[in-house]
Amino acid sequence: MERVFDICHGCRRCVSLCSAFPTLFDLVDESKTMEVDGVRQGRLLARSSTSAISCDVCYMTKCPYVPPHPWNVDFPHLMLRGKAVRVRNGRRSFPRHAS
């Protein structure tokens, strides 16, 4: 997570796609170090994953670091995994859909 956030913070091509990116960049820019390591990881994941809308536009159209690039950045799936971890740890619940 920290590696992907650091790559995204350095690139910023995706800033206009969804609110997850401005949220991530603002948290980093407001930290004392102005780097990803200056923000608590739990806060980064919580704020970014709740802002991501899982549309995959960043992955499919904007990000130059998706496979086959060696950095293998997959931001949408990282956010989905972050949401799943938060649910497992009881910090968030998935909404129930009406049948």
N, C-alpha and C. Protein backbone atom coordinates (compact mmCIF):
# COMPACT_ATOMS: atom_id res chain seq x y z
N MET A 1 0.83 -1.18 0.00
CA MET A 1 0.00 0.00 0.00
C MET A 1 0.87 1.25 0.00
N GLU A 2 1.85 1.29 0.88
CA GLU A 2 2.71 2.47 0.95
C GLU A 2 3.47 2.66 -0.36
N ARG A 3 3.91 1.58 -0.98
CA ARG A 3 4.63 1.65 -2.25
C ARG A 3 3.74 2.24 -3.34
N VAL A 4 2.51 1.76 -3.43
CA VAL A 4 1.58 2.26 -4.46
C VAL A 4 1.23 3.71 -4.20
N PHE A 5 0.96 4.07 -2.95
CA PHE A 5 0.64 5.46 -2.63
C PHE A 5 1.82 6.38 -2.95
N ASP A 6 3.03 5.91 -2.72
CA ASP A 6 4.21 6.72 -3.03
C ASP A 6 4.34 6.93 -4.54
N ILE A 7 4.10 5.89 -5.31
CA ILE A 7 4.15 6.01 -6.77
C ILE A 7 3.07 6.99 -7.25
N CYS A 8 1.86 6.84 -6.74
CA CYS A 8 0.76 7.73 -7.13
C CYS A 8 1.05 9.17 -6.75
N HIS A 9 1.59 9.37 -5.55
CA HIS A 9 1.92 10.72 -5.08
C HIS A 9 2.95 11.38 -5.98
N GLY A 10 3.89 10.61 -6.49
CA GLY A 10 4.92 11.17 -7.36
C GLY A 10 4.44 11.45 -8.77
N CYS A 11 3.43 10.75 -9.22
CA CYS A 11 2.95 10.87 -10.60
C CYS A 11 1.81 11.89 -10.74
N ARG A 12 0.73 11.67 -10.04
CA ARG A 12 -0.44 12.55 -9.99
C ARG A 12 -1.20 12.72 -11.30
N ARG A 13 -1.04 11.82 -12.24
CA ARG A 13 -1.80 11.90 -13.50
C ARG A 13 -3.29 11.66 -13.27
N CYS A 14 -3.63 11.01 -12.19
CA CYS A 14 -5.00 10.57 -11.94
C CYS A 14 -5.80 11.54 -11.07
N VAL A 15 -5.26 12.69 -10.74
CA VAL A 15 -5.88 13.59 -9.77
C VAL A 15 -7.32 13.97 -10.11
N SER A 16 -7.67 14.01 -11.36
CA SER A 16 -9.01 14.46 -11.74
C SER A 16 -10.03 13.31 -11.89
N LEU A 17 -9.63 12.09 -11.62
CA LEU A 17 -10.51 10.96 -11.91
C LEU A 17 -11.55 10.67 -10.83
N CYS A 18 -11.16 10.63 -9.58
CA CYS A 18 -12.12 10.43 -8.49
C CYS A 18 -11.55 11.07 -7.24
N SER A 19 -12.37 11.19 -6.22
CA SER A 19 -11.94 11.92 -5.02
C SER A 19 -10.89 11.19 -4.19
N ALA A 20 -10.62 9.93 -4.48
CA ALA A 20 -9.59 9.19 -3.73
C ALA A 20 -8.22 9.83 -3.92
N PHE A 21 -7.94 10.29 -5.12
CA PHE A 21 -6.62 10.83 -5.40
C PHE A 21 -6.38 12.20 -4.76
N PRO A 22 -7.28 13.17 -4.90
CA PRO A 22 -7.06 14.43 -4.18
C PRO A 22 -6.99 14.22 -2.66
N THR A 23 -7.79 13.27 -2.16
CA THR A 23 -7.75 12.96 -0.72
C THR A 23 -6.36 12.46 -0.33
N LEU A 24 -5.85 11.51 -1.10
CA LEU A 24 -4.52 10.96 -0.85
C LEU A 24 -3.46 12.05 -0.94
N PHE A 25 -3.50 12.83 -1.99
CA PHE A 25 -2.48 13.86 -2.20
C PHE A 25 -2.55 14.95 -1.13
N ASP A 26 -3.75 15.33 -0.71
CA ASP A 26 -3.89 16.34 0.34
C ASP A 26 -3.32 15.83 1.66
N LEU A 27 -3.61 14.57 2.01
CA LEU A 27 -3.06 14.01 3.25
C LEU A 27 -1.54 14.03 3.24
N VAL A 28 -0.96 13.67 2.12
CA VAL A 28 0.50 13.64 2.01
C VAL A 28 1.07 15.06 2.04
N ASP A 29 0.45 15.96 1.29
CA ASP A 29 0.95 17.34 1.22
C ASP A 29 0.84 18.07 2.55
N GLU A 30 -0.13 17.68 3.38
CA GLU A 30 -0.31 18.33 4.68
C GLU A 30 0.53 17.70 5.79
N SER A 31 1.22 16.60 5.49
CA SER A 31 2.04 15.95 6.52
C SER A 31 3.33 16.73 6.74
N LYS A 32 3.98 16.44 7.85
CA LYS A 32 5.23 17.15 8.18
C LYS A 32 6.33 16.89 7.17
N THR A 33 6.41 15.66 6.66
CA THR A 33 7.48 15.30 5.73
C THR A 33 7.12 15.58 4.28
N MET A 34 5.82 15.81 4.02
CA MET A 34 5.30 15.97 2.67
C MET A 34 5.59 14.74 1.80
N GLU A 35 5.68 13.59 2.45
CA GLU A 35 5.85 12.30 1.80
C GLU A 35 4.87 11.32 2.42
N VAL A 36 4.68 10.18 1.78
CA VAL A 36 3.74 9.17 2.26
C VAL A 36 4.08 8.70 3.66
N ASP A 37 5.35 8.62 3.98
CA ASP A 37 5.74 8.13 5.31
C ASP A 37 5.38 9.10 6.44
N GLY A 38 4.94 10.30 6.10
CA GLY A 38 4.55 11.29 7.10
C GLY A 38 3.10 11.19 7.53
N VAL A 39 2.34 10.26 6.92
CA VAL A 39 0.92 10.08 7.25
C VAL A 39 0.73 8.67 7.79
N ARG A 40 -0.06 8.56 8.86
CA ARG A 40 -0.35 7.23 9.40
C ARG A 40 -0.98 6.36 8.32
N GLN A 41 -0.49 5.14 8.17
CA GLN A 41 -0.99 4.26 7.11
C GLN A 41 -2.47 3.98 7.25
N GLY A 42 -2.94 3.80 8.48
CA GLY A 42 -4.37 3.54 8.68
C GLY A 42 -5.22 4.70 8.18
N ARG A 43 -4.75 5.89 8.41
CA ARG A 43 -5.48 7.08 7.95
C ARG A 43 -5.47 7.17 6.43
N LEU A 44 -4.31 6.88 5.83
CA LEU A 44 -4.22 6.90 4.37
C LEU A 44 -5.20 5.92 3.75
N LEU A 45 -5.19 4.69 4.24
CA LEU A 45 -6.05 3.67 3.67
C LEU A 45 -7.52 3.99 3.92
N ALA A 46 -7.86 4.39 5.12
CA ALA A 46 -9.25 4.67 5.45
C ALA A 46 -9.81 5.80 4.59
N ARG A 47 -9.09 6.88 4.51
CA ARG A 47 -9.59 8.03 3.75
C ARG A 47 -9.60 7.77 2.25
N SER A 48 -8.57 7.11 1.73
CA SER A 48 -8.50 6.87 0.29
C SER A 48 -9.48 5.79 -0.15
N SER A 49 -9.58 4.72 0.63
CA SER A 49 -10.45 3.62 0.21
C SER A 49 -11.92 4.00 0.28
N THR A 50 -12.29 4.85 1.23
CA THR A 50 -13.70 5.26 1.29
C THR A 50 -14.03 6.25 0.18
N SER A 51 -13.03 6.92 -0.36
CA SER A 51 -13.26 7.87 -1.45
C SER A 51 -13.25 7.21 -2.82
N ALA A 52 -12.57 6.07 -2.95
CA ALA A 52 -12.49 5.39 -4.25
C ALA A 52 -13.84 4.81 -4.62
N ILE A 53 -14.21 4.95 -5.89
CA ILE A 53 -15.52 4.49 -6.33
C ILE A 53 -15.44 3.20 -7.15
N SER A 54 -14.27 2.62 -7.24
CA SER A 54 -14.07 1.33 -7.92
C SER A 54 -14.53 1.33 -9.38
N CYS A 55 -14.25 2.39 -10.08
CA CYS A 55 -14.65 2.46 -11.48
C CYS A 55 -13.57 1.92 -12.42
N ASP A 56 -12.34 1.77 -11.93
CA ASP A 56 -11.19 1.26 -12.68
C ASP A 56 -10.70 2.18 -13.79
N VAL A 57 -11.19 3.41 -13.86
CA VAL A 57 -10.76 4.32 -14.92
C VAL A 57 -9.27 4.62 -14.79
N CYS A 58 -8.79 4.80 -13.57
CA CYS A 58 -7.36 5.09 -13.39
C CYS A 58 -6.53 3.93 -13.92
N TYR A 59 -6.97 2.72 -13.65
CA TYR A 59 -6.24 1.53 -14.08
C TYR A 59 -6.28 1.37 -15.60
N MET A 60 -7.44 1.58 -16.19
CA MET A 60 -7.62 1.30 -17.62
C MET A 60 -7.12 2.40 -18.53
N THR A 61 -7.10 3.64 -18.07
CA THR A 61 -6.80 4.73 -19.02
C THR A 61 -5.63 5.63 -18.64
N LYS A 62 -5.40 5.89 -17.37
CA LYS A 62 -4.45 6.94 -16.99
C LYS A 62 -3.10 6.43 -16.50
N CYS A 63 -3.11 5.38 -15.70
CA CYS A 63 -1.89 4.99 -14.99
C CYS A 63 -0.86 4.36 -15.93
N PRO A 64 0.34 4.94 -15.99
CA PRO A 64 1.38 4.37 -16.84
C PRO A 64 2.12 3.20 -16.15
N TYR A 65 1.76 2.87 -14.93
CA TYR A 65 2.49 1.87 -14.15
C TYR A 65 1.74 0.56 -13.95
N VAL A 66 0.64 0.35 -14.69
CA VAL A 66 -0.09 -0.91 -14.60
C VAL A 66 0.68 -1.98 -15.38
N PRO A 67 0.40 -3.27 -15.11
CA PRO A 67 1.09 -4.33 -15.85
C PRO A 67 0.92 -4.13 -17.35
N PRO A 68 1.93 -4.37 -18.12
CA PRO A 68 3.15 -5.10 -17.84
C PRO A 68 4.29 -4.28 -17.27
N HIS A 69 4.05 -3.08 -16.78
CA HIS A 69 5.11 -2.30 -16.13
C HIS A 69 5.60 -3.06 -14.90
N PRO A 70 6.88 -3.05 -14.63
CA PRO A 70 7.41 -3.81 -13.48
C PRO A 70 6.88 -3.32 -12.12
N TRP A 71 6.37 -2.08 -12.03
CA TRP A 71 5.87 -1.60 -10.74
C TRP A 71 4.50 -2.19 -10.40
N ASN A 72 3.77 -2.66 -11.42
CA ASN A 72 2.54 -3.41 -11.22
C ASN A 72 1.53 -2.70 -10.30
N VAL A 73 1.22 -1.45 -10.60
CA VAL A 73 0.29 -0.67 -9.78
C VAL A 73 -1.15 -1.02 -10.17
N ASP A 74 -1.94 -1.39 -9.18
CA ASP A 74 -3.37 -1.67 -9.38
C ASP A 74 -4.13 -0.99 -8.24
N PHE A 75 -4.31 0.31 -8.35
CA PHE A 75 -4.93 1.11 -7.31
C PHE A 75 -6.35 0.66 -6.98
N PRO A 76 -7.22 0.40 -7.98
CA PRO A 76 -8.59 0.00 -7.64
C PRO A 76 -8.66 -1.27 -6.80
N HIS A 77 -7.87 -2.26 -7.14
CA HIS A 77 -7.92 -3.50 -6.36
C HIS A 77 -7.27 -3.34 -4.99
N LEU A 78 -6.30 -2.47 -4.89
CA LEU A 78 -5.70 -2.18 -3.57
C LEU A 78 -6.76 -1.53 -2.67
N MET A 79 -7.55 -0.62 -3.21
CA MET A 79 -8.60 0.01 -2.41
C MET A 79 -9.68 -0.99 -2.01
N LEU A 80 -10.02 -1.90 -2.92
CA LEU A 80 -10.99 -2.94 -2.60
C LEU A 80 -10.48 -3.84 -1.49
N ARG A 81 -9.21 -4.22 -1.55
CA ARG A 81 -8.61 -5.02 -0.49
C ARG A 81 -8.59 -4.27 0.82
N GLY A 82 -8.32 -2.97 0.76
CA GLY A 82 -8.34 -2.15 1.97
C GLY A 82 -9.71 -2.11 2.62
N LYS A 83 -10.75 -2.00 1.79
CA LYS A 83 -12.11 -2.01 2.32
C LYS A 83 -12.42 -3.36 2.97
N ALA A 84 -11.99 -4.45 2.33
CA ALA A 84 -12.23 -5.79 2.88
C ALA A 84 -11.52 -5.96 4.22
N VAL A 85 -10.31 -5.46 4.34
CA VAL A 85 -9.58 -5.55 5.61
C VAL A 85 -10.29 -4.76 6.69
N ARG A 86 -10.79 -3.58 6.34
CA ARG A 86 -11.50 -2.76 7.32
C ARG A 86 -12.79 -3.44 7.78
N VAL A 87 -13.47 -4.14 6.87
CA VAL A 87 -14.68 -4.88 7.24
C VAL A 87 -14.31 -6.04 8.16
N ARG A 88 -13.27 -6.78 7.80
CA ARG A 88 -12.83 -7.91 8.61
C ARG A 88 -12.44 -7.47 10.02
N ASN A 89 -11.84 -6.31 10.13
CA ASN A 89 -11.41 -5.80 11.43
C ASN A 89 -12.51 -5.04 12.17
N GLY A 90 -13.71 -4.99 11.59
CA GLY A 90 -14.84 -4.37 12.26
C GLY A 90 -14.87 -2.86 12.20
N ARG A 91 -14.10 -2.26 11.33
CA ARG A 91 -14.06 -0.80 11.23
C ARG A 91 -15.01 -0.25 10.18
N ARG A 92 -15.64 -1.15 9.47
CA ARG A 92 -16.56 -0.73 8.41
C ARG A 92 -17.48 -1.90 8.10
N SER A 93 -18.67 -1.63 7.63
CA SER A 93 -19.57 -2.71 7.22
C SER A 93 -19.99 -2.49 5.78
N PHE A 94 -20.21 -3.58 5.08
CA PHE A 94 -20.71 -3.48 3.72
C PHE A 94 -22.21 -3.23 3.78
N PRO A 95 -22.73 -2.36 2.94
CA PRO A 95 -24.17 -2.11 2.95
C PRO A 95 -24.92 -3.33 2.43
N ARG A 96 -26.06 -3.59 3.03
CA ARG A 96 -26.91 -4.70 2.57
C ARG A 96 -27.83 -4.17 1.48
N HIS A 97 -27.96 -4.96 0.44
CA HIS A 97 -28.84 -4.58 -0.67
C HIS A 97 -30.20 -5.22 -0.48
N ALA A 98 -31.25 -4.52 -0.84
CA ALA A 98 -32.60 -5.06 -0.74
C ALA A 98 -32.79 -6.13 -1.81
N SER A 99 -33.43 -7.21 -1.46
CA SER A 99 -33.66 -8.30 -2.41
C SER A 99 -34.93 -8.09 -3.19
